[in-house]
């Protein structure tokens, strides 16, 4: 059972069991080395991109004027990144307008012009 110094793996011990290079005591088996778990850089990049996208959408008010019925009933869901009109008489009543669609781009443009 070989134990290592944090700074000098594979070190030689002095008579007290300390590293001959730095004098620090060897670590025990119960101590975990730094960076034991592998971090997937692609997963990390994906999570960072999602966080930045969510931050970029925080300017959108939760309730807006609907471009279809012109009533302040357009609800925005930040988590799902969707719009939905809550006016019963609107043609988009309870229809989720999802991101990456032409309709979503139209609504975003409309909301931006209304809030300027």
PDB file of N, CA and C in Angstrom:
ATOM      1  N   UNK A   1       0.843  -1.171   0.000  1.00  0.00           N
ATOM      2  CA  UNK A   1       0.000   0.000   0.000  1.00  0.00           C
ATOM      3  C   UNK A   1       0.894   1.242   0.000  1.00  0.00           C
ATOM      4  N   UNK A   2       0.944   1.904  -1.161  1.00  0.00           N
ATOM      5  CA  UNK A   2       1.767   3.098  -1.291  1.00  0.00           C
ATOM      6  C   UNK A   2       0.896   4.334  -1.146  1.00  0.00           C
ATOM      7  N   UNK A   3       1.343   5.264  -0.358  1.00  0.00           N
ATOM      8  CA  UNK A   3       0.660   6.536  -0.211  1.00  0.00           C
ATOM      9  C   UNK A   3       1.584   7.622  -0.719  1.00  0.00           C
ATOM     10  N   UNK A   4       0.990   8.701  -1.218  1.00  0.00           N
ATOM     11  CA  UNK A   4       1.791   9.724  -1.861  1.00  0.00           C
ATOM     12  C   UNK A   4       1.631  11.078  -1.199  1.00  0.00           C
ATOM     13  N   UNK A   5       2.626  11.903  -1.346  1.00  0.00           N
ATOM     14  CA  UNK A   5       2.557  13.309  -0.960  1.00  0.00           C
ATOM     15  C   UNK A   5       1.740  14.028  -2.033  1.00  0.00           C
ATOM     16  N   UNK A   6       0.950  15.029  -1.647  1.00  0.00           N
ATOM     17  CA  UNK A   6       0.140  15.750  -2.629  1.00  0.00           C
ATOM     18  C   UNK A   6       1.014  16.378  -3.717  1.00  0.00           C
ATOM     19  N   UNK A   7       2.095  16.981  -3.322  1.00  0.00           N
ATOM     20  CA  UNK A   7       2.934  17.696  -4.285  1.00  0.00           C
ATOM     21  C   UNK A   7       3.978  16.842  -4.966  1.00  0.00           C
ATOM     22  N   UNK A   8       4.351  15.725  -4.361  1.00  0.00           N
ATOM     23  CA  UNK A   8       5.429  14.902  -4.897  1.00  0.00           C
ATOM     24  C   UNK A   8       5.022  13.430  -4.921  1.00  0.00           C
ATOM     25  N   UNK A   9       4.201  13.020  -5.899  1.00  0.00           N
ATOM     26  CA  UNK A   9       3.793  11.612  -5.967  1.00  0.00           C
ATOM     27  C   UNK A   9       5.007  10.700  -6.119  1.00  0.00           C
ATOM     28  N   UNK A  10       5.001   9.608  -5.403  1.00  0.00           N
ATOM     29  CA  UNK A  10       6.095   8.639  -5.486  1.00  0.00           C
ATOM     30  C   UNK A  10       7.321   9.079  -4.709  1.00  0.00           C
ATOM     31  N   UNK A  11       7.152   9.870  -3.657  1.00  0.00           N
ATOM     32  CA  UNK A  11       8.262  10.421  -2.896  1.00  0.00           C
ATOM     33  C   UNK A  11       8.904   9.382  -1.987  1.00  0.00           C
ATOM     34  N   UNK A  12      10.062   9.723  -1.499  1.00  0.00           N
ATOM     35  CA  UNK A  12      10.725   8.925  -0.467  1.00  0.00           C
ATOM     36  C   UNK A  12      10.405   9.556   0.883  1.00  0.00           C
ATOM     37  N   UNK A  13      10.277   8.713   1.921  1.00  0.00           N
ATOM     38  CA  UNK A  13       9.963   9.201   3.263  1.00  0.00           C
ATOM     39  C   UNK A  13      11.235   9.390   4.074  1.00  0.00           C
ATOM     40  N   UNK A  14      11.139  10.324   5.013  1.00  0.00           N
ATOM     41  CA  UNK A  14      12.209  10.416   6.003  1.00  0.00           C
ATOM     42  C   UNK A  14      11.854   9.481   7.159  1.00  0.00           C
ATOM     43  N   UNK A  15      12.591   9.541   8.243  1.00  0.00           N
ATOM     44  CA  UNK A  15      12.368   8.603   9.352  1.00  0.00           C
ATOM     45  C   UNK A  15      11.022   8.808  10.035  1.00  0.00           C
ATOM     46  N   UNK A  16      10.438   9.995   9.952  1.00  0.00           N
ATOM     47  CA  UNK A  16       9.142  10.258  10.584  1.00  0.00           C
ATOM     48  C   UNK A  16       7.970   9.993   9.641  1.00  0.00           C
ATOM     49  N   UNK A  17       8.219   9.575   8.411  1.00  0.00           N
ATOM     50  CA  UNK A  17       7.147   9.297   7.463  1.00  0.00           C
ATOM     51  C   UNK A  17       6.719  10.511   6.664  1.00  0.00           C
ATOM     52  N   UNK A  18       7.516  11.565   6.660  1.00  0.00           N
ATOM     53  CA  UNK A  18       7.198  12.772   5.904  1.00  0.00           C
ATOM     54  C   UNK A  18       7.941  12.784   4.582  1.00  0.00           C
ATOM     55  N   UNK A  19       7.457  13.576   3.643  1.00  0.00           N
ATOM     56  CA  UNK A  19       8.089  13.696   2.325  1.00  0.00           C
ATOM     57  C   UNK A  19       9.490  14.289   2.467  1.00  0.00           C
ATOM     58  N   UNK A  20      10.470  13.681   1.808  1.00  0.00           N
ATOM     59  CA  UNK A  20      11.841  14.192   1.875  1.00  0.00           C
ATOM     60  C   UNK A  20      11.991  15.510   1.105  1.00  0.00           C
ATOM     61  N   UNK A  21      11.062  15.777   0.167  1.00  0.00           N
ATOM     62  CA  UNK A  21      11.169  16.991  -0.632  1.00  0.00           C
ATOM     63  C   UNK A  21      10.588  18.205   0.077  1.00  0.00           C
ATOM     64  N   UNK A  22       9.385  18.052   0.653  1.00  0.00           N
ATOM     65  CA  UNK A  22       8.715  19.217   1.237  1.00  0.00           C
ATOM     66  C   UNK A  22       8.446  19.098   2.732  1.00  0.00           C
ATOM     67  N   UNK A  23       8.625  17.908   3.309  1.00  0.00           N
ATOM     68  CA  UNK A  23       8.437  17.725   4.741  1.00  0.00           C
ATOM     69  C   UNK A  23       6.997  17.520   5.173  1.00  0.00           C
ATOM     70  N   UNK A  24       6.058  17.527   4.224  1.00  0.00           N
ATOM     71  CA  UNK A  24       4.649  17.338   4.590  1.00  0.00           C
ATOM     72  C   UNK A  24       4.379  15.861   4.870  1.00  0.00           C
ATOM     73  N   UNK A  25       3.457  15.604   5.809  1.00  0.00           N
ATOM     74  CA  UNK A  25       3.116  14.201   6.084  1.00  0.00           C
ATOM     75  C   UNK A  25       2.362  13.589   4.917  1.00  0.00           C
ATOM     76  N   UNK A  26       2.508  12.291   4.793  1.00  0.00           N
ATOM     77  CA  UNK A  26       1.806  11.627   3.693  1.00  0.00           C
ATOM     78  C   UNK A  26       0.313  11.610   3.977  1.00  0.00           C
ATOM     79  N   UNK A  27      -0.457  11.541   2.931  1.00  0.00           N
ATOM     80  CA  UNK A  27      -1.907  11.530   3.116  1.00  0.00           C
ATOM     81  C   UNK A  27      -2.378  10.121   3.435  1.00  0.00           C
ATOM     82  N   UNK A  28      -3.518  10.056   4.069  1.00  0.00           N
ATOM     83  CA  UNK A  28      -4.078   8.751   4.391  1.00  0.00           C
ATOM     84  C   UNK A  28      -4.973   8.307   3.244  1.00  0.00           C
ATOM     85  N   UNK A  29      -5.372   7.051   3.264  1.00  0.00           N
ATOM     86  CA  UNK A  29      -6.238   6.522   2.211  1.00  0.00           C
ATOM     87  C   UNK A  29      -7.616   7.171   2.229  1.00  0.00           C
ATOM     88  N   UNK A  30      -8.046   7.694   3.393  1.00  0.00           N
ATOM     89  CA  UNK A  30      -9.374   8.298   3.489  1.00  0.00           C
ATOM     90  C   UNK A  30      -9.428   9.660   2.806  1.00  0.00           C
ATOM     91  N   UNK A  31      -8.289  10.307   2.635  1.00  0.00           N
ATOM     92  CA  UNK A  31      -8.264  11.601   1.964  1.00  0.00           C
ATOM     93  C   UNK A  31      -8.323  11.399   0.456  1.00  0.00           C
ATOM     94  N   UNK A  32      -9.153  12.191  -0.208  1.00  0.00           N
ATOM     95  CA  UNK A  32      -9.283  12.073  -1.655  1.00  0.00           C
ATOM     96  C   UNK A  32      -8.365  13.094  -2.334  1.00  0.00           C
ATOM     97  N   UNK A  33      -7.708  12.702  -3.408  1.00  0.00           N
ATOM     98  CA  UNK A  33      -6.883  13.664  -4.124  1.00  0.00           C
ATOM     99  C   UNK A  33      -7.747  14.709  -4.817  1.00  0.00           C
ATOM    100  N   UNK A  34      -7.165  15.851  -5.101  1.00  0.00           N
ATOM    101  CA  UNK A  34      -7.882  16.897  -5.824  1.00  0.00           C
ATOM    102  C   UNK A  34      -8.221  16.425  -7.229  1.00  0.00           C
ATOM    103  N   UNK A  35      -9.365  16.847  -7.747  1.00  0.00           N
ATOM    104  CA  UNK A  35      -9.817  16.526  -9.103  1.00  0.00           C
ATOM    105  C   UNK A  35      -9.934  15.022  -9.331  1.00  0.00           C
ATOM    106  N   UNK A  36     -10.495  14.321  -8.344  1.00  0.00           N
ATOM    107  CA  UNK A  36     -10.659  12.881  -8.491  1.00  0.00           C
ATOM    108  C   UNK A  36     -11.700  12.557  -9.545  1.00  0.00           C
ATOM    109  N   UNK A  37     -12.790  13.347  -9.576  1.00  0.00           N
ATOM    110  CA  UNK A  37     -13.843  13.080 -10.535  1.00  0.00           C
ATOM    111  C   UNK A  37     -13.518  13.740 -11.868  1.00  0.00           C
ATOM    112  N   UNK A  38     -13.822  13.054 -12.956  1.00  0.00           N
ATOM    113  CA  UNK A  38     -13.591  13.568 -14.301  1.00  0.00           C
ATOM    114  C   UNK A  38     -14.699  14.539 -14.673  1.00  0.00           C
ATOM    115  N   UNK A  39     -14.328  15.692 -15.189  1.00  0.00           N
ATOM    116  CA  UNK A  39     -15.297  16.684 -15.645  1.00  0.00           C
ATOM    117  C   UNK A  39     -15.284  16.672 -17.171  1.00  0.00           C
ATOM    118  N   UNK A  40     -16.439  16.371 -17.750  1.00  0.00           N
ATOM    119  CA  UNK A  40     -16.556  16.328 -19.200  1.00  0.00           C
ATOM    120  C   UNK A  40     -16.589  17.763 -19.734  1.00  0.00           C
ATOM    121  N   UNK A  41     -15.590  18.178 -20.507  1.00  0.00           N
ATOM    122  CA  UNK A  41     -15.557  19.565 -20.980  1.00  0.00           C
ATOM    123  C   UNK A  41     -16.719  19.898 -21.916  1.00  0.00           C
ATOM    124  N   UNK A  42     -17.213  18.923 -22.667  1.00  0.00           N
ATOM    125  CA  UNK A  42     -18.326  19.175 -23.576  1.00  0.00           C
ATOM    126  C   UNK A  42     -19.625  19.414 -22.798  1.00  0.00           C
ATOM    127  N   UNK A  43     -19.818  18.641 -21.731  1.00  0.00           N
ATOM    128  CA  UNK A  43     -21.000  18.827 -20.877  1.00  0.00           C
ATOM    129  C   UNK A  43     -20.925  20.179 -20.168  1.00  0.00           C
ATOM    130  N   UNK A  44     -19.737  20.533 -19.711  1.00  0.00           N
ATOM    131  CA  UNK A  44     -19.548  21.829 -19.059  1.00  0.00           C
ATOM    132  C   UNK A  44     -19.835  22.970 -20.033  1.00  0.00           C
ATOM    133  N   UNK A  45     -19.343  22.862 -21.264  1.00  0.00           N
ATOM    134  CA  UNK A  45     -19.602  23.893 -22.273  1.00  0.00           C
ATOM    135  C   UNK A  45     -21.092  23.992 -22.581  1.00  0.00           C
ATOM    136  N   UNK A  46     -21.767  22.857 -22.655  1.00  0.00           N
ATOM    137  CA  UNK A  46     -23.211  22.849 -22.917  1.00  0.00           C
ATOM    138  C   UNK A  46     -23.970  23.554 -21.798  1.00  0.00           C
ATOM    139  N   UNK A  47     -23.621  23.248 -20.544  1.00  0.00           N
ATOM    140  CA  UNK A  47     -24.288  23.869 -19.405  1.00  0.00           C
ATOM    141  C   UNK A  47     -24.029  25.375 -19.358  1.00  0.00           C
ATOM    142  N   UNK A  48     -22.803  25.785 -19.670  1.00  0.00           N
ATOM    143  CA  UNK A  48     -22.492  27.216 -19.700  1.00  0.00           C
ATOM    144  C   UNK A  48     -23.255  27.935 -20.800  1.00  0.00           C
ATOM    145  N   UNK A  49     -23.368  27.291 -21.961  1.00  0.00           N
ATOM    146  CA  UNK A  49     -24.116  27.883 -23.076  1.00  0.00           C
ATOM    147  C   UNK A  49     -25.596  28.036 -22.712  1.00  0.00           C
ATOM    148  N   UNK A  50     -26.166  27.008 -22.073  1.00  0.00           N
ATOM    149  CA  UNK A  50     -27.565  27.078 -21.648  1.00  0.00           C
ATOM    150  C   UNK A  50     -27.779  28.190 -20.631  1.00  0.00           C
ATOM    151  N   UNK A  51     -26.832  28.342 -19.722  1.00  0.00           N
ATOM    152  CA  UNK A  51     -26.938  29.401 -18.715  1.00  0.00           C
ATOM    153  C   UNK A  51     -26.871  30.785 -19.357  1.00  0.00           C
ATOM    154  N   UNK A  52     -25.987  30.952 -20.321  1.00  0.00           N
ATOM    155  CA  UNK A  52     -25.884  32.230 -21.024  1.00  0.00           C
ATOM    156  C   UNK A  52     -27.143  32.524 -21.839  1.00  0.00           C
ATOM    157  N   UNK A  53     -27.707  31.484 -22.466  1.00  0.00           N
ATOM    158  CA  UNK A  53     -28.957  31.667 -23.214  1.00  0.00           C
ATOM    159  C   UNK A  53     -30.091  32.080 -22.287  1.00  0.00           C
ATOM    160  N   UNK A  54     -30.138  31.476 -21.114  1.00  0.00           N
ATOM    161  CA  UNK A  54     -31.191  31.821 -20.162  1.00  0.00           C
ATOM    162  C   UNK A  54     -31.000  33.254 -19.670  1.00  0.00           C
ATOM    163  N   UNK A  55     -29.776  33.673 -19.420  1.00  0.00           N
ATOM    164  CA  UNK A  55     -29.514  35.054 -19.004  1.00  0.00           C
ATOM    165  C   UNK A  55     -29.911  36.039 -20.093  1.00  0.00           C
ATOM    166  N   UNK A  56     -29.703  35.660 -21.346  1.00  0.00           N
ATOM    167  CA  UNK A  56     -30.036  36.565 -22.451  1.00  0.00           C
ATOM    168  C   UNK A  56     -31.539  36.751 -22.606  1.00  0.00           C
ATOM    169  N   UNK A  57     -32.351  35.842 -22.024  1.00  0.00           N
ATOM    170  CA  UNK A  57     -33.808  35.939 -22.118  1.00  0.00           C
ATOM    171  C   UNK A  57     -34.435  36.625 -20.914  1.00  0.00           C
ATOM    172  N   UNK A  58     -33.644  36.986 -19.910  1.00  0.00           N
ATOM    173  CA  UNK A  58     -34.192  37.558 -18.684  1.00  0.00           C
ATOM    174  C   UNK A  58     -34.804  38.939 -18.887  1.00  0.00           C
ATOM    175  N   UNK A  59     -34.523  39.591 -19.983  1.00  0.00           N
ATOM    176  CA  UNK A  59     -35.086  40.925 -20.245  1.00  0.00           C
ATOM    177  C   UNK A  59     -36.560  40.848 -20.620  1.00  0.00           C
ATOM    178  N   UNK A  60     -37.052  39.675 -21.011  1.00  0.00           N
ATOM    179  CA  UNK A  60     -38.425  39.538 -21.494  1.00  0.00           C
ATOM    180  C   UNK A  60     -39.385  39.589 -20.300  1.00  0.00           C
ATOM    181  N   UNK A  61     -40.340  40.529 -20.298  1.00  0.00           N
ATOM    182  CA  UNK A  61     -41.324  40.580 -19.206  1.00  0.00           C
ATOM    183  C   UNK A  61     -42.195  39.325 -19.199  1.00  0.00           C
ATOM    184  N   UNK A  62     -42.693  38.973 -18.022  1.00  0.00           N
ATOM    185  CA  UNK A  62     -43.515  37.763 -17.870  1.00  0.00           C
ATOM    186  C   UNK A  62     -44.865  37.902 -18.569  1.00  0.00           C
ATOM    187  N   UNK A  63     -45.431  39.099 -18.581  1.00  0.00           N
ATOM    188  CA  UNK A  63     -46.708  39.343 -19.256  1.00  0.00           C
ATOM    189  C   UNK A  63     -46.500  40.453 -20.280  1.00  0.00           C
ATOM    190  N   UNK A  64     -46.965  40.223 -21.484  1.00  0.00           N
ATOM    191  CA  UNK A  64     -46.799  41.173 -22.582  1.00  0.00           C
ATOM    192  C   UNK A  64     -48.118  41.351 -23.328  1.00  0.00           C
ATOM    193  N   UNK A  65     -48.153  42.358 -24.201  1.00  0.00           N
ATOM    194  CA  UNK A  65     -49.274  42.492 -25.127  1.00  0.00           C
ATOM    195  C   UNK A  65     -49.122  41.427 -26.201  1.00  0.00           C
ATOM    196  N   UNK A  66     -50.202  40.764 -26.501  1.00  0.00           N
ATOM    197  CA  UNK A  66     -50.192  39.715 -27.520  1.00  0.00           C
ATOM    198  C   UNK A  66     -50.217  40.368 -28.902  1.00  0.00           C
ATOM    199  N   UNK A  67     -49.357  39.970 -29.829  1.00  0.00           N
ATOM    200  CA  UNK A  67     -49.375  40.554 -31.166  1.00  0.00           C
ATOM    201  C   UNK A  67     -50.599  40.131 -31.984  1.00  0.00           C
ATOM    202  N   UNK A  68     -51.295  39.106 -31.558  1.00  0.00           N
ATOM    203  CA  UNK A  68     -52.440  38.593 -32.317  1.00  0.00           C
ATOM    204  C   UNK A  68     -53.758  39.218 -31.860  1.00  0.00           C
ATOM    205  N   UNK A  69     -53.972  39.370 -30.540  1.00  0.00           N
ATOM    206  CA  UNK A  69     -55.237  39.925 -30.051  1.00  0.00           C
ATOM    207  C   UNK A  69     -55.081  41.336 -29.471  1.00  0.00           C
ATOM    208  N   UNK A  70     -53.864  41.832 -29.350  1.00  0.00           N
ATOM    209  CA  UNK A  70     -53.547  43.168 -28.845  1.00  0.00           C
ATOM    210  C   UNK A  70     -53.952  43.385 -27.391  1.00  0.00           C
ATOM    211  N   UNK A  71     -54.150  42.329 -26.612  1.00  0.00           N
ATOM    212  CA  UNK A  71     -54.501  42.430 -25.200  1.00  0.00           C
ATOM    213  C   UNK A  71     -53.301  41.966 -24.375  1.00  0.00           C
ATOM    214  N   UNK A  72     -53.128  42.571 -23.200  1.00  0.00           N
ATOM    215  CA  UNK A  72     -51.998  42.203 -22.337  1.00  0.00           C
ATOM    216  C   UNK A  72     -52.295  40.856 -21.680  1.00  0.00           C
ATOM    217  N   UNK A  73     -52.076  39.789 -22.437  1.00  0.00           N
ATOM    218  CA  UNK A  73     -52.370  38.440 -21.959  1.00  0.00           C
ATOM    219  C   UNK A  73     -51.335  37.419 -22.439  1.00  0.00           C
ATOM    220  N   UNK A  74     -50.263  37.905 -23.039  1.00  0.00           N
ATOM    221  CA  UNK A  74     -49.230  36.997 -23.546  1.00  0.00           C
ATOM    222  C   UNK A  74     -48.274  36.661 -22.405  1.00  0.00           C
ATOM    223  N   UNK A  75     -48.243  35.412 -22.023  1.00  0.00           N
ATOM    224  CA  UNK A  75     -47.421  34.952 -20.908  1.00  0.00           C
ATOM    225  C   UNK A  75     -46.123  34.357 -21.454  1.00  0.00           C
ATOM    226  N   UNK A  76     -45.022  34.666 -20.768  1.00  0.00           N
ATOM    227  CA  UNK A  76     -43.726  34.114 -21.160  1.00  0.00           C
ATOM    228  C   UNK A  76     -43.240  33.165 -20.078  1.00  0.00           C
ATOM    229  N   UNK A  77     -42.835  31.959 -20.467  1.00  0.00           N
ATOM    230  CA  UNK A  77     -42.297  30.953 -19.555  1.00  0.00           C
ATOM    231  C   UNK A  77     -40.786  30.918 -19.752  1.00  0.00           C
ATOM    232  N   UNK A  78     -40.043  31.452 -18.783  1.00  0.00           N
ATOM    233  CA  UNK A  78     -38.586  31.543 -18.889  1.00  0.00           C
ATOM    234  C   UNK A  78     -37.920  30.170 -18.910  1.00  0.00           C
ATOM    235  N   UNK A  79     -38.443  29.233 -18.133  1.00  0.00           N
ATOM    236  CA  UNK A  79     -37.829  27.906 -18.048  1.00  0.00           C
ATOM    237  C   UNK A  79     -37.968  27.148 -19.365  1.00  0.00           C
ATOM    238  N   UNK A  80     -39.172  27.168 -19.943  1.00  0.00           N
ATOM    239  CA  UNK A  80     -39.404  26.431 -21.188  1.00  0.00           C
ATOM    240  C   UNK A  80     -39.120  27.284 -22.420  1.00  0.00           C
ATOM    241  N   UNK A  81     -38.922  28.594 -22.222  1.00  0.00           N
ATOM    242  CA  UNK A  81     -38.660  29.530 -23.304  1.00  0.00           C
ATOM    243  C   UNK A  81     -39.791  29.507 -24.339  1.00  0.00           C
ATOM    244  N   UNK A  82     -41.024  29.655 -23.834  1.00  0.00           N
ATOM    245  CA  UNK A  82     -42.198  29.650 -24.695  1.00  0.00           C
ATOM    246  C   UNK A  82     -43.112  30.816 -24.356  1.00  0.00           C
ATOM    247  N   UNK A  83     -43.921  31.204 -25.326  1.00  0.00           N
ATOM    248  CA  UNK A  83     -44.972  32.196 -25.139  1.00  0.00           C
ATOM    249  C   UNK A  83     -46.313  31.493 -25.262  1.00  0.00           C
ATOM    250  N   UNK A  84     -47.318  32.074 -24.565  1.00  0.00           N
ATOM    251  CA  UNK A  84     -48.658  31.519 -24.643  1.00  0.00           C
ATOM    252  C   UNK A  84     -49.648  32.626 -24.295  1.00  0.00           C
ATOM    253  N   UNK A  85     -50.664  32.808 -25.134  1.00  0.00           N
ATOM    254  CA  UNK A  85     -51.681  33.822 -24.869  1.00  0.00           C
ATOM    255  C   UNK A  85     -52.752  33.234 -23.959  1.00  0.00           C
ATOM    256  N   UNK A  86     -53.152  34.024 -22.951  1.00  0.00           N
ATOM    257  CA  UNK A  86     -54.146  33.560 -21.985  1.00  0.00           C
ATOM    258  C   UNK A  86     -55.529  34.162 -22.235  1.00  0.00           C
ATOM    259  N   UNK A  87     -55.675  34.885 -23.327  1.00  0.00           N
ATOM    260  CA  UNK A  87     -56.970  35.459 -23.698  1.00  0.00           C
ATOM    261  C   UNK A  87     -57.804  34.386 -24.397  1.00  0.00           C
ATOM    262  N   UNK A  88     -58.974  34.105 -23.866  1.00  0.00           N
ATOM    263  CA  UNK A  88     -59.834  33.049 -24.409  1.00  0.00           C
ATOM    264  C   UNK A  88     -60.240  33.327 -25.858  1.00  0.00           C
ATOM    265  N   UNK A  89     -60.392  34.589 -26.221  1.00  0.00           N
ATOM    266  CA  UNK A  89     -60.842  34.939 -27.572  1.00  0.00           C
ATOM    267  C   UNK A  89     -59.711  34.992 -28.594  1.00  0.00           C
ATOM    268  N   UNK A  90     -58.476  34.846 -28.161  1.00  0.00           N
ATOM    269  CA  UNK A  90     -57.320  34.931 -29.073  1.00  0.00           C
ATOM    270  C   UNK A  90     -57.159  33.630 -29.858  1.00  0.00           C
ATOM    271  N   UNK A  91     -56.639  33.768 -31.071  1.00  0.00           N
ATOM    272  CA  UNK A  91     -56.377  32.586 -31.901  1.00  0.00           C
ATOM    273  C   UNK A  91     -55.214  31.753 -31.365  1.00  0.00           C
ATOM    274  N   UNK A  92     -54.364  32.352 -30.526  1.00  0.00           N
ATOM    275  CA  UNK A  92     -53.210  31.645 -29.948  1.00  0.00           C
ATOM    276  C   UNK A  92     -53.450  31.267 -28.487  1.00  0.00           C
ATOM    277  N   UNK A  93     -54.724  31.186 -28.087  1.00  0.00           N
ATOM    278  CA  UNK A  93     -55.070  30.834 -26.717  1.00  0.00           C
ATOM    279  C   UNK A  93     -54.561  29.426 -26.398  1.00  0.00           C
ATOM    280  N   UNK A  94     -53.750  29.323 -25.362  1.00  0.00           N
ATOM    281  CA  UNK A  94     -53.137  28.074 -24.896  1.00  0.00           C
ATOM    282  C   UNK A  94     -52.349  27.336 -25.977  1.00  0.00           C
ATOM    283  N   UNK A  95     -51.807  28.064 -26.928  1.00  0.00           N
ATOM    284  CA  UNK A  95     -50.906  27.491 -27.927  1.00  0.00           C
ATOM    285  C   UNK A  95     -49.497  27.910 -27.518  1.00  0.00           C
ATOM    286  N   UNK A  96     -48.622  26.956 -27.279  1.00  0.00           N
ATOM    287  CA  UNK A  96     -47.255  27.290 -26.882  1.00  0.00           C
ATOM    288  C   UNK A  96     -46.437  27.645 -28.115  1.00  0.00           C
ATOM    289  N   UNK A  97     -45.947  28.872 -28.120  1.00  0.00           N
ATOM    290  CA  UNK A  97     -45.079  29.341 -29.203  1.00  0.00           C
ATOM    291  C   UNK A  97     -43.652  29.072 -28.756  1.00  0.00           C
ATOM    292  N   UNK A  98     -43.046  28.061 -29.344  1.00  0.00           N
ATOM    293  CA  UNK A  98     -41.729  27.605 -28.900  1.00  0.00           C
ATOM    294  C   UNK A  98     -40.611  28.309 -29.642  1.00  0.00           C
ATOM    295  N   UNK A  99     -39.441  28.331 -28.977  1.00  0.00           N
ATOM    296  CA  UNK A  99     -38.278  28.974 -29.571  1.00  0.00           C
ATOM    297  C   UNK A  99     -37.835  28.245 -30.835  1.00  0.00           C
ATOM    298  N   UNK A 100     -37.045  28.916 -31.612  1.00  0.00           N
ATOM    299  CA  UNK A 100     -36.499  28.391 -32.871  1.00  0.00           C
ATOM    300  C   UNK A 100     -37.571  28.232 -33.941  1.00  0.00           C
ATOM    301  N   UNK A 101     -38.663  28.990 -33.822  1.00  0.00           N
ATOM    302  CA  UNK A 101     -39.698  28.976 -34.852  1.00  0.00           C
ATOM    303  C   UNK A 101     -39.858  30.393 -35.393  1.00  0.00           C
ATOM    304  N   UNK A 102     -40.452  30.509 -36.555  1.00  0.00           N
ATOM    305  CA  UNK A 102     -40.689  31.809 -37.168  1.00  0.00           C
ATOM    306  C   UNK A 102     -41.664  32.615 -36.306  1.00  0.00           C
ATOM    307  N   UNK A 103     -42.661  31.947 -35.785  1.00  0.00           N
ATOM    308  CA  UNK A 103     -43.657  32.604 -34.943  1.00  0.00           C
ATOM    309  C   UNK A 103     -43.011  33.178 -33.674  1.00  0.00           C
ATOM    310  N   UNK A 104     -42.068  32.456 -33.085  1.00  0.00           N
ATOM    311  CA  UNK A 104     -41.353  32.909 -31.894  1.00  0.00           C
ATOM    312  C   UNK A 104     -40.546  34.167 -32.227  1.00  0.00           C
ATOM    313  N   UNK A 105     -39.863  34.156 -33.353  1.00  0.00           N
ATOM    314  CA  UNK A 105     -39.091  35.335 -33.771  1.00  0.00           C
ATOM    315  C   UNK A 105     -39.993  36.546 -33.952  1.00  0.00           C
ATOM    316  N   UNK A 106     -41.174  36.313 -34.524  1.00  0.00           N
ATOM    317  CA  UNK A 106     -42.140  37.392 -34.704  1.00  0.00           C
ATOM    318  C   UNK A 106     -42.572  37.971 -33.355  1.00  0.00           C
ATOM    319  N   UNK A 107     -42.869  37.096 -32.393  1.00  0.00           N
ATOM    320  CA  UNK A 107     -43.313  37.541 -31.068  1.00  0.00           C
ATOM    321  C   UNK A 107     -42.182  38.290 -30.356  1.00  0.00           C
ATOM    322  N   UNK A 108     -40.959  37.797 -30.428  1.00  0.00           N
ATOM    323  CA  UNK A 108     -39.810  38.461 -29.795  1.00  0.00           C
ATOM    324  C   UNK A 108     -39.633  39.863 -30.375  1.00  0.00           C
ATOM    325  N   UNK A 109     -39.719  39.986 -31.691  1.00  0.00           N
ATOM    326  CA  UNK A 109     -39.585  41.294 -32.333  1.00  0.00           C
ATOM    327  C   UNK A 109     -40.699  42.227 -31.867  1.00  0.00           C
ATOM    328  N   UNK A 110     -41.894  41.715 -31.784  1.00  0.00           N
ATOM    329  CA  UNK A 110     -43.040  42.511 -31.327  1.00  0.00           C
ATOM    330  C   UNK A 110     -42.851  42.971 -29.886  1.00  0.00           C
ATOM    331  N   UNK A 111     -42.411  42.066 -29.024  1.00  0.00           N
ATOM    332  CA  UNK A 111     -42.200  42.397 -27.612  1.00  0.00           C
ATOM    333  C   UNK A 111     -41.093  43.441 -27.460  1.00  0.00           C
ATOM    334  N   UNK A 112     -40.034  43.307 -28.247  1.00  0.00           N
ATOM    335  CA  UNK A 112     -38.932  44.291 -28.181  1.00  0.00           C
ATOM    336  C   UNK A 112     -39.421  45.675 -28.564  1.00  0.00           C
ATOM    337  N   UNK A 113     -40.221  45.769 -29.623  1.00  0.00           N
ATOM    338  CA  UNK A 113     -40.718  47.090 -30.050  1.00  0.00           C
ATOM    339  C   UNK A 113     -41.693  47.678 -29.042  1.00  0.00           C
ATOM    340  N   UNK A 114     -42.460  46.838 -28.369  1.00  0.00           N
ATOM    341  CA  UNK A 114     -43.412  47.316 -27.366  1.00  0.00           C
ATOM    342  C   UNK A 114     -42.711  47.835 -26.113  1.00  0.00           C
ATOM    343  N   UNK A 115     -41.566  47.267 -25.780  1.00  0.00           N
ATOM    344  CA  UNK A 115     -40.868  47.639 -24.550  1.00  0.00           C
ATOM    345  C   UNK A 115     -39.826  48.740 -24.743  1.00  0.00           C
ATOM    346  N   UNK A 116     -39.728  49.277 -25.914  1.00  0.00           N
ATOM    347  CA  UNK A 116     -38.749  50.365 -26.145  1.00  0.00           C
ATOM    348  C   UNK A 116     -39.366  51.708 -25.940  1.00  0.00           C
TER     349      UNK A 116
END
